[in-house]
Amino acid sequence: MGEGDIARHYWITATAIVLAAAIILYLMGRNPICTCGEIKFWVGEVHGPDNSQHLADWYVPSHIIHGFLFCGLGWLLLRRRPVGLWFCLAVAIEAAWEVLENSPIIINRYREATAAFGYSGDAIINSIADIGWMALGFLIARRIGLWPTVAIALAFELFTLWMIRDNLTLNVLMLVWPIDVIREWQAAL
């Protein structure tokens, strides 16, 4: 096993973390799948009822970038520790975010402060997929290195900004410090 490989016990730990998050989301009353009764791979409508209810949507690039960022933080803060530990911590942070994101306080914050007026939270399958997209981003960043990862992250941010008037940067900004001009611009789409 090479230095960048993730040992089996870390994969098992990461899987257990994802299962725990799914159970917590279920106990919070989240729907396992979309109330439409379908499981779709891709949903392209940002402000529609299927957004955040299926496996992939316009926010996949943001979750992949989370993985890039967590891999970078692992390298900065834990470089002498096994990569599997970085990976498990990244999965735990993403899983914790998915639980927090689906709590009433964050759902209401999205409705009040962002252009996500009808947002009602994620289906559990979407939250699990989001953790998976983050994990993919982590593994990609680990494989390709810093500058290609930065280039992909910038391309994702610019592409989603152009396509849906939203991206990870604006999402965080509007959640933490809403700006009316940006909210109005996003809502005009």
N, C-alpha and C. Protein backbone atom coordinates (compact mmCIF):
# COMPACT_ATOMS: atom_id res chain seq x y z
N MET A 1 0.86 -1.18 0.00
CA MET A 1 0.00 0.00 0.00
C MET A 1 0.90 1.23 0.00
N GLY A 2 0.67 2.16 -0.91
CA GLY A 2 1.46 3.38 -1.00
C GLY A 2 1.07 4.37 0.08
N GLU A 3 1.88 5.41 0.22
CA GLU A 3 1.62 6.39 1.28
C GLU A 3 0.29 7.13 1.10
N GLY A 4 -0.20 7.25 -0.14
CA GLY A 4 -1.44 7.97 -0.39
C GLY A 4 -2.68 7.09 -0.34
N ASP A 5 -2.48 5.77 -0.20
CA ASP A 5 -3.62 4.86 -0.17
C ASP A 5 -4.34 4.97 1.17
N ILE A 6 -5.62 4.65 1.13
CA ILE A 6 -6.44 4.69 2.33
C ILE A 6 -6.71 3.25 2.75
N ALA A 7 -6.28 2.91 3.95
CA ALA A 7 -6.43 1.55 4.46
C ALA A 7 -7.90 1.19 4.63
N ARG A 8 -8.17 -0.09 4.56
CA ARG A 8 -9.53 -0.61 4.62
C ARG A 8 -10.29 -0.14 5.86
N HIS A 9 -9.64 -0.13 7.01
CA HIS A 9 -10.36 0.26 8.23
C HIS A 9 -10.83 1.71 8.18
N TYR A 10 -10.13 2.55 7.43
CA TYR A 10 -10.61 3.94 7.27
C TYR A 10 -11.86 3.98 6.39
N TRP A 11 -11.90 3.14 5.35
CA TRP A 11 -13.10 3.06 4.50
C TRP A 11 -14.30 2.58 5.32
N ILE A 12 -14.05 1.60 6.18
CA ILE A 12 -15.13 1.10 7.05
C ILE A 12 -15.61 2.19 7.99
N THR A 13 -14.68 2.92 8.58
CA THR A 13 -15.03 4.02 9.48
C THR A 13 -15.83 5.10 8.74
N ALA A 14 -15.37 5.46 7.55
CA ALA A 14 -16.07 6.48 6.76
C ALA A 14 -17.48 6.02 6.42
N THR A 15 -17.64 4.76 6.07
CA THR A 15 -18.96 4.21 5.76
C THR A 15 -19.86 4.26 6.99
N ALA A 16 -19.32 3.93 8.15
CA ALA A 16 -20.09 4.00 9.40
C ALA A 16 -20.54 5.43 9.70
N ILE A 17 -19.69 6.38 9.42
CA ILE A 17 -20.04 7.80 9.62
C ILE A 17 -21.20 8.19 8.71
N VAL A 18 -21.15 7.77 7.46
CA VAL A 18 -22.23 8.08 6.51
C VAL A 18 -23.54 7.43 6.97
N LEU A 19 -23.47 6.18 7.40
CA LEU A 19 -24.68 5.50 7.90
C LEU A 19 -25.24 6.20 9.13
N ALA A 20 -24.37 6.62 10.02
CA ALA A 20 -24.83 7.35 11.21
C ALA A 20 -25.53 8.64 10.82
N ALA A 21 -24.97 9.36 9.85
CA ALA A 21 -25.61 10.60 9.38
C ALA A 21 -26.98 10.31 8.79
N ALA A 22 -27.08 9.24 8.00
CA ALA A 22 -28.37 8.87 7.40
C ALA A 22 -29.40 8.55 8.48
N ILE A 23 -28.99 7.85 9.51
CA ILE A 23 -29.90 7.52 10.61
C ILE A 23 -30.34 8.78 11.34
N ILE A 24 -29.40 9.67 11.60
CA ILE A 24 -29.74 10.93 12.27
C ILE A 24 -30.72 11.74 11.42
N LEU A 25 -30.45 11.83 10.13
CA LEU A 25 -31.36 12.56 9.23
C LEU A 25 -32.75 11.93 9.24
N TYR A 26 -32.80 10.61 9.24
CA TYR A 26 -34.09 9.93 9.29
C TYR A 26 -34.83 10.25 10.59
N LEU A 27 -34.10 10.21 11.70
CA LEU A 27 -34.70 10.51 13.01
C LEU A 27 -35.13 11.98 13.10
N MET A 28 -34.50 12.84 12.29
CA MET A 28 -34.89 14.25 12.23
C MET A 28 -36.15 14.45 11.37
N GLY A 29 -36.61 13.39 10.72
CA GLY A 29 -37.81 13.48 9.92
C GLY A 29 -37.57 13.74 8.44
N ARG A 30 -36.32 13.65 7.99
CA ARG A 30 -36.03 13.85 6.58
C ARG A 30 -36.57 12.67 5.78
N ASN A 31 -37.02 12.93 4.57
CA ASN A 31 -37.51 11.87 3.68
C ASN A 31 -36.33 11.08 3.12
N PRO A 32 -36.44 9.75 3.07
CA PRO A 32 -35.34 8.97 2.49
C PRO A 32 -35.08 9.32 1.03
N ILE A 33 -36.16 9.47 0.24
CA ILE A 33 -36.03 9.86 -1.17
C ILE A 33 -37.03 10.99 -1.42
N CYS A 34 -36.98 11.52 -2.62
CA CYS A 34 -37.90 12.57 -3.02
C CYS A 34 -39.34 12.14 -2.79
N THR A 35 -40.17 13.05 -2.33
CA THR A 35 -41.59 12.73 -2.13
C THR A 35 -42.29 12.42 -3.45
N CYS A 36 -41.64 12.70 -4.57
CA CYS A 36 -42.19 12.34 -5.88
C CYS A 36 -42.15 10.84 -6.11
N GLY A 37 -41.40 10.12 -5.26
CA GLY A 37 -41.32 8.67 -5.37
C GLY A 37 -40.29 8.15 -6.34
N GLU A 38 -39.53 9.05 -6.96
CA GLU A 38 -38.51 8.65 -7.93
C GLU A 38 -37.12 8.93 -7.39
N ILE A 39 -36.15 8.24 -7.95
CA ILE A 39 -34.75 8.54 -7.69
C ILE A 39 -34.14 8.88 -9.05
N LYS A 40 -33.73 10.12 -9.20
CA LYS A 40 -33.14 10.58 -10.45
C LYS A 40 -31.64 10.81 -10.23
N PHE A 41 -30.86 10.56 -11.29
CA PHE A 41 -29.43 10.86 -11.17
C PHE A 41 -29.22 12.38 -11.19
N TRP A 42 -29.84 13.07 -12.12
CA TRP A 42 -29.58 14.50 -12.31
C TRP A 42 -30.87 15.30 -12.30
N VAL A 43 -30.85 16.42 -11.59
CA VAL A 43 -31.94 17.40 -11.61
C VAL A 43 -31.30 18.74 -11.93
N GLY A 44 -31.73 19.35 -13.02
CA GLY A 44 -31.12 20.59 -13.48
C GLY A 44 -31.86 21.85 -13.10
N GLU A 45 -33.05 21.71 -12.54
CA GLU A 45 -33.83 22.89 -12.15
C GLU A 45 -33.45 23.30 -10.73
N VAL A 46 -32.86 24.49 -10.61
CA VAL A 46 -32.35 24.95 -9.31
C VAL A 46 -33.46 25.29 -8.33
N HIS A 47 -34.49 25.96 -8.80
CA HIS A 47 -35.54 26.43 -7.89
C HIS A 47 -36.78 25.54 -7.91
N GLY A 48 -36.64 24.33 -8.44
CA GLY A 48 -37.77 23.42 -8.50
C GLY A 48 -37.85 22.51 -7.29
N PRO A 49 -38.94 21.77 -7.18
CA PRO A 49 -39.15 20.91 -6.03
C PRO A 49 -38.21 19.70 -5.96
N ASP A 50 -37.58 19.34 -7.09
CA ASP A 50 -36.69 18.19 -7.10
C ASP A 50 -35.25 18.53 -6.72
N ASN A 51 -34.91 19.81 -6.63
CA ASN A 51 -33.55 20.19 -6.27
C ASN A 51 -33.25 19.71 -4.85
N SER A 52 -32.09 19.16 -4.64
CA SER A 52 -31.64 18.63 -3.34
C SER A 52 -32.45 17.41 -2.91
N GLN A 53 -33.05 16.72 -3.86
CA GLN A 53 -33.86 15.54 -3.54
C GLN A 53 -33.33 14.27 -4.20
N HIS A 54 -32.36 14.40 -5.08
CA HIS A 54 -31.88 13.25 -5.85
C HIS A 54 -30.37 13.12 -5.73
N LEU A 55 -29.74 12.39 -6.62
CA LEU A 55 -28.32 12.08 -6.50
C LEU A 55 -27.40 13.23 -6.91
N ALA A 56 -27.80 14.00 -7.91
CA ALA A 56 -26.91 15.06 -8.41
C ALA A 56 -27.74 16.25 -8.86
N ASP A 57 -27.19 17.44 -8.62
CA ASP A 57 -27.81 18.69 -9.03
C ASP A 57 -26.70 19.71 -9.22
N TRP A 58 -27.08 20.95 -9.39
CA TRP A 58 -26.09 21.99 -9.67
C TRP A 58 -25.15 22.25 -8.49
N TYR A 59 -25.42 21.68 -7.33
CA TYR A 59 -24.55 21.90 -6.17
C TYR A 59 -23.49 20.81 -6.01
N VAL A 60 -23.46 19.84 -6.91
CA VAL A 60 -22.41 18.82 -6.89
C VAL A 60 -21.02 19.46 -6.94
N PRO A 61 -20.77 20.44 -7.84
CA PRO A 61 -19.43 21.05 -7.83
C PRO A 61 -19.03 21.63 -6.47
N SER A 62 -19.98 22.20 -5.75
CA SER A 62 -19.67 22.73 -4.42
C SER A 62 -19.21 21.62 -3.47
N HIS A 63 -19.87 20.48 -3.54
CA HIS A 63 -19.48 19.37 -2.65
C HIS A 63 -18.13 18.79 -3.06
N ILE A 64 -17.87 18.73 -4.34
CA ILE A 64 -16.55 18.28 -4.79
C ILE A 64 -15.48 19.25 -4.29
N ILE A 65 -15.76 20.54 -4.35
CA ILE A 65 -14.81 21.53 -3.84
C ILE A 65 -14.62 21.37 -2.33
N HIS A 66 -15.68 21.01 -1.60
CA HIS A 66 -15.50 20.70 -0.17
C HIS A 66 -14.40 19.65 -0.01
N GLY A 67 -14.47 18.61 -0.84
CA GLY A 67 -13.45 17.56 -0.78
C GLY A 67 -12.07 18.09 -1.09
N PHE A 68 -11.98 18.98 -2.07
CA PHE A 68 -10.68 19.61 -2.37
C PHE A 68 -10.15 20.34 -1.13
N LEU A 69 -11.04 21.13 -0.52
CA LEU A 69 -10.64 21.93 0.64
C LEU A 69 -10.24 21.05 1.82
N PHE A 70 -11.01 19.99 2.08
CA PHE A 70 -10.68 19.11 3.20
C PHE A 70 -9.37 18.37 2.97
N CYS A 71 -9.11 17.99 1.73
CA CYS A 71 -7.83 17.35 1.43
C CYS A 71 -6.68 18.33 1.67
N GLY A 72 -6.87 19.57 1.23
CA GLY A 72 -5.85 20.59 1.46
C GLY A 72 -5.63 20.86 2.94
N LEU A 73 -6.71 20.91 3.70
CA LEU A 73 -6.58 21.11 5.15
C LEU A 73 -5.87 19.92 5.80
N GLY A 74 -6.20 18.72 5.33
CA GLY A 74 -5.51 17.54 5.85
C GLY A 74 -4.02 17.63 5.61
N TRP A 75 -3.65 18.04 4.40
CA TRP A 75 -2.23 18.18 4.08
C TRP A 75 -1.58 19.25 4.96
N LEU A 76 -2.28 20.37 5.16
CA LEU A 76 -1.71 21.44 5.97
C LEU A 76 -1.57 21.08 7.45
N LEU A 77 -2.60 20.44 7.99
CA LEU A 77 -2.66 20.24 9.44
C LEU A 77 -2.28 18.83 9.90
N LEU A 78 -2.42 17.85 9.03
CA LEU A 78 -2.24 16.46 9.45
C LEU A 78 -1.27 15.68 8.56
N ARG A 79 -0.37 16.37 7.93
CA ARG A 79 0.46 15.73 6.92
C ARG A 79 1.28 14.56 7.46
N ARG A 80 1.56 14.54 8.74
CA ARG A 80 2.33 13.43 9.32
C ARG A 80 1.43 12.26 9.74
N ARG A 81 0.14 12.43 9.60
CA ARG A 81 -0.83 11.40 9.96
C ARG A 81 -1.28 10.66 8.70
N PRO A 82 -1.85 9.49 8.84
CA PRO A 82 -2.31 8.74 7.65
C PRO A 82 -3.39 9.49 6.87
N VAL A 83 -3.33 9.36 5.56
CA VAL A 83 -4.32 10.00 4.69
C VAL A 83 -5.73 9.50 5.02
N GLY A 84 -5.83 8.26 5.44
CA GLY A 84 -7.12 7.71 5.82
C GLY A 84 -7.76 8.48 6.96
N LEU A 85 -6.95 8.98 7.87
CA LEU A 85 -7.47 9.81 8.96
C LEU A 85 -8.01 11.12 8.40
N TRP A 86 -7.28 11.73 7.48
CA TRP A 86 -7.76 12.96 6.85
C TRP A 86 -9.11 12.70 6.20
N PHE A 87 -9.18 11.56 5.49
CA PHE A 87 -10.40 11.20 4.77
C PHE A 87 -11.57 11.02 5.74
N CYS A 88 -11.36 10.29 6.81
CA CYS A 88 -12.44 10.07 7.78
C CYS A 88 -12.89 11.39 8.41
N LEU A 89 -11.95 12.26 8.72
CA LEU A 89 -12.33 13.56 9.27
C LEU A 89 -13.12 14.38 8.25
N ALA A 90 -12.72 14.31 6.98
CA ALA A 90 -13.45 15.01 5.93
C ALA A 90 -14.88 14.47 5.82
N VAL A 91 -15.03 13.16 5.85
CA VAL A 91 -16.37 12.56 5.79
C VAL A 91 -17.18 12.98 7.01
N ALA A 92 -16.56 12.99 8.18
CA ALA A 92 -17.27 13.38 9.40
C ALA A 92 -17.72 14.84 9.34
N ILE A 93 -16.86 15.72 8.85
CA ILE A 93 -17.23 17.14 8.75
C ILE A 93 -18.37 17.32 7.74
N GLU A 94 -18.25 16.66 6.59
CA GLU A 94 -19.31 16.78 5.57
C GLU A 94 -20.62 16.20 6.09
N ALA A 95 -20.54 15.07 6.78
CA ALA A 95 -21.75 14.45 7.34
C ALA A 95 -22.38 15.37 8.39
N ALA A 96 -21.55 15.97 9.23
CA ALA A 96 -22.06 16.91 10.24
C ALA A 96 -22.73 18.11 9.55
N TRP A 97 -22.13 18.59 8.47
CA TRP A 97 -22.74 19.70 7.74
C TRP A 97 -24.09 19.28 7.17
N GLU A 98 -24.18 18.09 6.60
CA GLU A 98 -25.45 17.63 6.04
C GLU A 98 -26.53 17.56 7.11
N VAL A 99 -26.18 17.13 8.30
CA VAL A 99 -27.15 17.09 9.40
C VAL A 99 -27.53 18.52 9.78
N LEU A 100 -26.54 19.40 9.96
CA LEU A 100 -26.82 20.79 10.33
C LEU A 100 -27.61 21.49 9.23
N GLU A 101 -27.24 21.27 7.99
CA GLU A 101 -27.91 21.92 6.86
C GLU A 101 -29.40 21.57 6.81
N ASN A 102 -29.75 20.42 7.32
CA ASN A 102 -31.14 19.97 7.30
C ASN A 102 -31.86 20.20 8.62
N SER A 103 -31.27 21.02 9.47
CA SER A 103 -31.93 21.41 10.71
C SER A 103 -32.78 22.65 10.44
N PRO A 104 -33.82 22.86 11.22
CA PRO A 104 -34.68 24.02 10.98
C PRO A 104 -33.93 25.35 10.97
N ILE A 105 -32.92 25.51 11.79
CA ILE A 105 -32.21 26.80 11.85
C ILE A 105 -31.53 27.13 10.51
N ILE A 106 -30.91 26.14 9.88
CA ILE A 106 -30.22 26.40 8.60
C ILE A 106 -31.24 26.45 7.46
N ILE A 107 -32.23 25.57 7.46
CA ILE A 107 -33.26 25.64 6.41
C ILE A 107 -33.91 27.02 6.41
N ASN A 108 -34.28 27.51 7.59
CA ASN A 108 -34.90 28.84 7.67
C ASN A 108 -33.93 29.93 7.27
N ARG A 109 -32.65 29.77 7.61
CA ARG A 109 -31.64 30.77 7.21
C ARG A 109 -31.52 30.83 5.70
N TYR A 110 -31.50 29.67 5.04
CA TYR A 110 -31.45 29.65 3.58
C TYR A 110 -32.66 30.37 2.99
N ARG A 111 -33.83 30.12 3.55
CA ARG A 111 -35.04 30.76 3.03
C ARG A 111 -35.01 32.27 3.23
N GLU A 112 -34.51 32.73 4.36
CA GLU A 112 -34.49 34.16 4.68
C GLU A 112 -33.38 34.91 3.95
N ALA A 113 -32.20 34.32 3.87
CA ALA A 113 -31.02 35.05 3.47
C ALA A 113 -30.54 34.79 2.05
N THR A 114 -31.05 33.76 1.41
CA THR A 114 -30.55 33.43 0.08
C THR A 114 -31.71 33.41 -0.92
N ALA A 115 -31.38 33.03 -2.14
CA ALA A 115 -32.41 32.94 -3.18
C ALA A 115 -33.14 31.60 -3.13
N ALA A 116 -32.86 30.78 -2.12
CA ALA A 116 -33.50 29.46 -1.98
C ALA A 116 -34.83 29.60 -1.25
N PHE A 117 -35.74 30.34 -1.85
CA PHE A 117 -37.00 30.71 -1.18
C PHE A 117 -37.83 29.50 -0.76
N GLY A 118 -37.93 28.48 -1.58
CA GLY A 118 -38.78 27.35 -1.26
C GLY A 118 -38.02 26.17 -0.69
N TYR A 119 -36.77 26.36 -0.33
CA TYR A 119 -35.93 25.26 0.15
C TYR A 119 -36.54 24.65 1.41
N SER A 120 -36.67 23.32 1.40
CA SER A 120 -37.25 22.64 2.56
C SER A 120 -36.32 21.56 3.10
N GLY A 121 -35.08 21.57 2.65
CA GLY A 121 -34.11 20.58 3.11
C GLY A 121 -33.90 19.49 2.06
N ASP A 122 -32.94 18.63 2.35
CA ASP A 122 -32.54 17.58 1.42
C ASP A 122 -33.23 16.26 1.75
N ALA A 123 -33.44 15.45 0.72
CA ALA A 123 -33.79 14.05 0.95
C ALA A 123 -32.52 13.35 1.45
N ILE A 124 -32.68 12.30 2.21
CA ILE A 124 -31.52 11.59 2.76
C ILE A 124 -30.62 11.09 1.64
N ILE A 125 -31.20 10.60 0.55
CA ILE A 125 -30.39 10.11 -0.56
C ILE A 125 -29.51 11.23 -1.13
N ASN A 126 -30.02 12.46 -1.15
CA ASN A 126 -29.23 13.60 -1.63
C ASN A 126 -28.10 13.90 -0.66
N SER A 127 -28.38 13.87 0.63
CA SER A 127 -27.32 14.13 1.62
C SER A 127 -26.21 13.09 1.53
N ILE A 128 -26.60 11.82 1.39
CA ILE A 128 -25.59 10.76 1.26
C ILE A 128 -24.79 10.97 -0.03
N ALA A 129 -25.48 11.30 -1.11
CA ALA A 129 -24.78 11.56 -2.37
C ALA A 129 -23.84 12.75 -2.23
N ASP A 130 -24.28 13.80 -1.52
CA ASP A 130 -23.42 14.96 -1.32
C ASP A 130 -22.13 14.58 -0.58
N ILE A 131 -22.25 13.71 0.41
CA ILE A 131 -21.05 13.22 1.11
C ILE A 131 -20.17 12.44 0.13
N GLY A 132 -20.81 11.65 -0.73
CA GLY A 132 -20.06 10.92 -1.75
C GLY A 132 -19.35 11.83 -2.73
N TRP A 133 -20.01 12.91 -3.15
CA TRP A 133 -19.36 13.88 -4.05
C TRP A 133 -18.17 14.53 -3.37
N MET A 134 -18.31 14.84 -2.08
CA MET A 134 -17.18 15.41 -1.33
C MET A 134 -16.03 14.41 -1.32
N ALA A 135 -16.34 13.13 -1.04
CA ALA A 135 -15.31 12.10 -0.99
C ALA A 135 -14.59 11.99 -2.34
N LEU A 136 -15.37 12.06 -3.42
CA LEU A 136 -14.76 12.04 -4.75
C LEU A 136 -13.81 13.22 -4.92
N GLY A 137 -14.24 14.41 -4.50
CA GLY A 137 -13.37 15.58 -4.59
C GLY A 137 -12.09 15.40 -3.79
N PHE A 138 -12.21 14.84 -2.60
CA PHE A 138 -11.04 14.57 -1.77
C PHE A 138 -10.06 13.66 -2.51
N LEU A 139 -10.58 12.56 -3.06
CA LEU A 139 -9.73 11.59 -3.74
C LEU A 139 -9.10 12.16 -5.00
N ILE A 140 -9.85 12.98 -5.72
CA ILE A 140 -9.29 13.63 -6.92
C ILE A 140 -8.16 14.57 -6.52
N ALA A 141 -8.40 15.40 -5.51
CA ALA A 141 -7.37 16.36 -5.07
C ALA A 141 -6.11 15.61 -4.62
N ARG A 142 -6.30 14.53 -3.91
CA ARG A 142 -5.16 13.75 -3.42
C ARG A 142 -4.36 13.19 -4.59
N ARG A 143 -5.04 12.83 -5.66
CA ARG A 143 -4.38 12.21 -6.81
C ARG A 143 -3.69 13.23 -7.72
N ILE A 144 -4.34 14.40 -7.97
CA ILE A 144 -3.81 15.30 -9.00
C ILE A 144 -2.97 16.45 -8.46
N GLY A 145 -2.99 16.71 -7.16
CA GLY A 145 -2.15 17.74 -6.60
C GLY A 145 -2.78 19.12 -6.58
N LEU A 146 -2.03 20.07 -6.07
CA LEU A 146 -2.54 21.41 -5.75
C LEU A 146 -3.03 22.20 -6.96
N TRP A 147 -2.17 22.48 -7.92
CA TRP A 147 -2.54 23.43 -8.97
C TRP A 147 -3.64 22.93 -9.90
N PRO A 148 -3.63 21.66 -10.29
CA PRO A 148 -4.78 21.19 -11.07
C PRO A 148 -6.09 21.25 -10.25
N THR A 149 -5.99 20.98 -8.96
CA THR A 149 -7.17 21.06 -8.09
C THR A 149 -7.69 22.49 -8.01
N VAL A 150 -6.80 23.45 -7.85
CA VAL A 150 -7.19 24.86 -7.81
C VAL A 150 -7.85 25.25 -9.13
N ALA A 151 -7.28 24.82 -10.24
CA ALA A 151 -7.84 25.16 -11.56
C ALA A 151 -9.24 24.57 -11.71
N ILE A 152 -9.44 23.34 -11.30
CA ILE A 152 -10.76 22.73 -11.40
C ILE A 152 -11.76 23.45 -10.49
N ALA A 153 -11.34 23.78 -9.27
CA ALA A 153 -12.23 24.49 -8.34
C ALA A 153 -12.66 25.84 -8.93
N LEU A 154 -11.72 26.58 -9.49
CA LEU A 154 -12.06 27.87 -10.10
C LEU A 154 -13.00 27.68 -11.30
N ALA A 155 -12.73 26.66 -12.09
CA ALA A 155 -13.62 26.38 -13.24
C ALA A 155 -15.02 26.03 -12.76
N PHE A 156 -15.13 25.21 -11.72
CA PHE A 156 -16.45 24.87 -11.16
C PHE A 156 -17.17 26.11 -10.66
N GLU A 157 -16.45 26.96 -9.93
CA GLU A 157 -17.07 28.17 -9.37
C GLU A 157 -17.57 29.09 -10.47
N LEU A 158 -16.75 29.30 -11.49
CA LEU A 158 -17.14 30.19 -12.58
C LEU A 158 -18.27 29.59 -13.42
N PHE A 159 -18.20 28.28 -13.67
CA PHE A 159 -19.24 27.63 -14.46
C PHE A 159 -20.60 27.68 -13.77
N THR A 160 -20.64 27.34 -12.48
CA THR A 160 -21.94 27.36 -11.79
C THR A 160 -22.42 28.79 -11.58
N LEU A 161 -21.51 29.73 -11.42
CA LEU A 161 -21.91 31.14 -11.33
C LEU A 161 -22.60 31.55 -12.63
N TRP A 162 -22.03 31.16 -13.74
CA TRP A 162 -22.59 31.49 -15.06
C TRP A 162 -23.91 30.76 -15.30
N MET A 163 -23.98 29.48 -14.94
CA MET A 163 -25.16 28.67 -15.24
C MET A 163 -26.35 28.95 -14.31
N ILE A 164 -26.09 29.08 -13.00
CA ILE A 164 -27.20 29.17 -12.05
C ILE A 164 -27.12 30.38 -11.11
N ARG A 165 -26.13 31.26 -11.36
CA ARG A 165 -25.94 32.43 -10.51
C ARG A 165 -25.71 32.06 -9.04
N ASP A 166 -25.04 30.95 -8.83
CA ASP A 166 -24.72 30.50 -7.48
C ASP A 166 -23.48 29.62 -7.57
N ASN A 167 -22.78 29.53 -6.46
CA ASN A 167 -21.63 28.65 -6.34
C ASN A 167 -21.29 28.55 -4.85
N LEU A 168 -20.23 27.84 -4.53
CA LEU A 168 -19.86 27.66 -3.13
C LEU A 168 -19.56 29.00 -2.46
N THR A 169 -18.82 29.86 -3.14
CA THR A 169 -18.45 31.16 -2.57
C THR A 169 -19.69 31.98 -2.24
N LEU A 170 -20.60 32.11 -3.19
CA LEU A 170 -21.82 32.90 -2.94
C LEU A 170 -22.72 32.23 -1.91
N ASN A 171 -22.76 30.90 -1.93
CA ASN A 171 -23.59 30.19 -0.98
C ASN A 171 -23.14 30.48 0.45
N VAL A 172 -21.85 30.42 0.69
CA VAL A 172 -21.32 30.71 2.03
C VAL A 172 -21.53 32.18 2.37
N LEU A 173 -21.22 33.06 1.45
CA LEU A 173 -21.39 34.50 1.69
C LEU A 173 -22.84 34.82 2.06
N MET A 174 -23.77 34.31 1.27
CA MET A 174 -25.17 34.64 1.50
C MET A 174 -25.73 33.99 2.76
N LEU A 175 -25.17 32.88 3.16
CA LEU A 175 -25.61 32.24 4.40
C LEU A 175 -25.09 33.01 5.62
N VAL A 176 -23.85 33.49 5.52
CA VAL A 176 -23.21 34.17 6.65
C VAL A 176 -23.53 35.66 6.68
N TRP A 177 -23.47 36.30 5.51
CA TRP A 177 -23.63 37.75 5.45
C TRP A 177 -24.42 38.10 4.19
N PRO A 178 -25.73 37.98 4.24
CA PRO A 178 -26.56 38.20 3.05
C PRO A 178 -26.43 39.63 2.49
N ILE A 179 -26.38 39.71 1.18
CA ILE A 179 -26.31 40.99 0.49
C ILE A 179 -27.51 41.06 -0.46
N ASP A 180 -28.36 42.05 -0.24
CA ASP A 180 -29.61 42.16 -1.00
C ASP A 180 -29.39 42.19 -2.51
N VAL A 181 -28.39 42.90 -2.96
CA VAL A 181 -28.14 43.02 -4.41
C VAL A 181 -27.85 41.64 -5.00
N ILE A 182 -27.08 40.83 -4.29
CA ILE A 182 -26.77 39.49 -4.78
C ILE A 182 -28.02 38.62 -4.76
N ARG A 183 -28.80 38.69 -3.69
CA ARG A 183 -30.03 37.89 -3.61
C ARG A 183 -30.97 38.23 -4.76
N GLU A 184 -31.12 39.54 -5.05
CA GLU A 184 -32.00 39.97 -6.15
C GLU A 184 -31.46 39.50 -7.49
N TRP A 185 -30.16 39.57 -7.68
CA TRP A 185 -29.54 39.10 -8.92
C TRP A 185 -29.75 37.60 -9.08
N GLN A 186 -29.56 36.84 -8.00
CA GLN A 186 -29.75 35.39 -8.07
C GLN A 186 -31.21 35.04 -8.35
N ALA A 187 -32.14 35.76 -7.76
CA ALA A 187 -33.55 35.46 -7.91
C ALA A 187 -34.05 35.79 -9.32
N ALA A 188 -33.33 36.63 -10.05
CA ALA A 188 -33.76 37.05 -11.40
C ALA A 188 -33.58 35.93 -12.43
N LEU A 189 -32.93 34.86 -12.06
CA LEU A 189 -32.69 33.76 -13.01
C LEU A 189 -33.96 33.05 -13.34
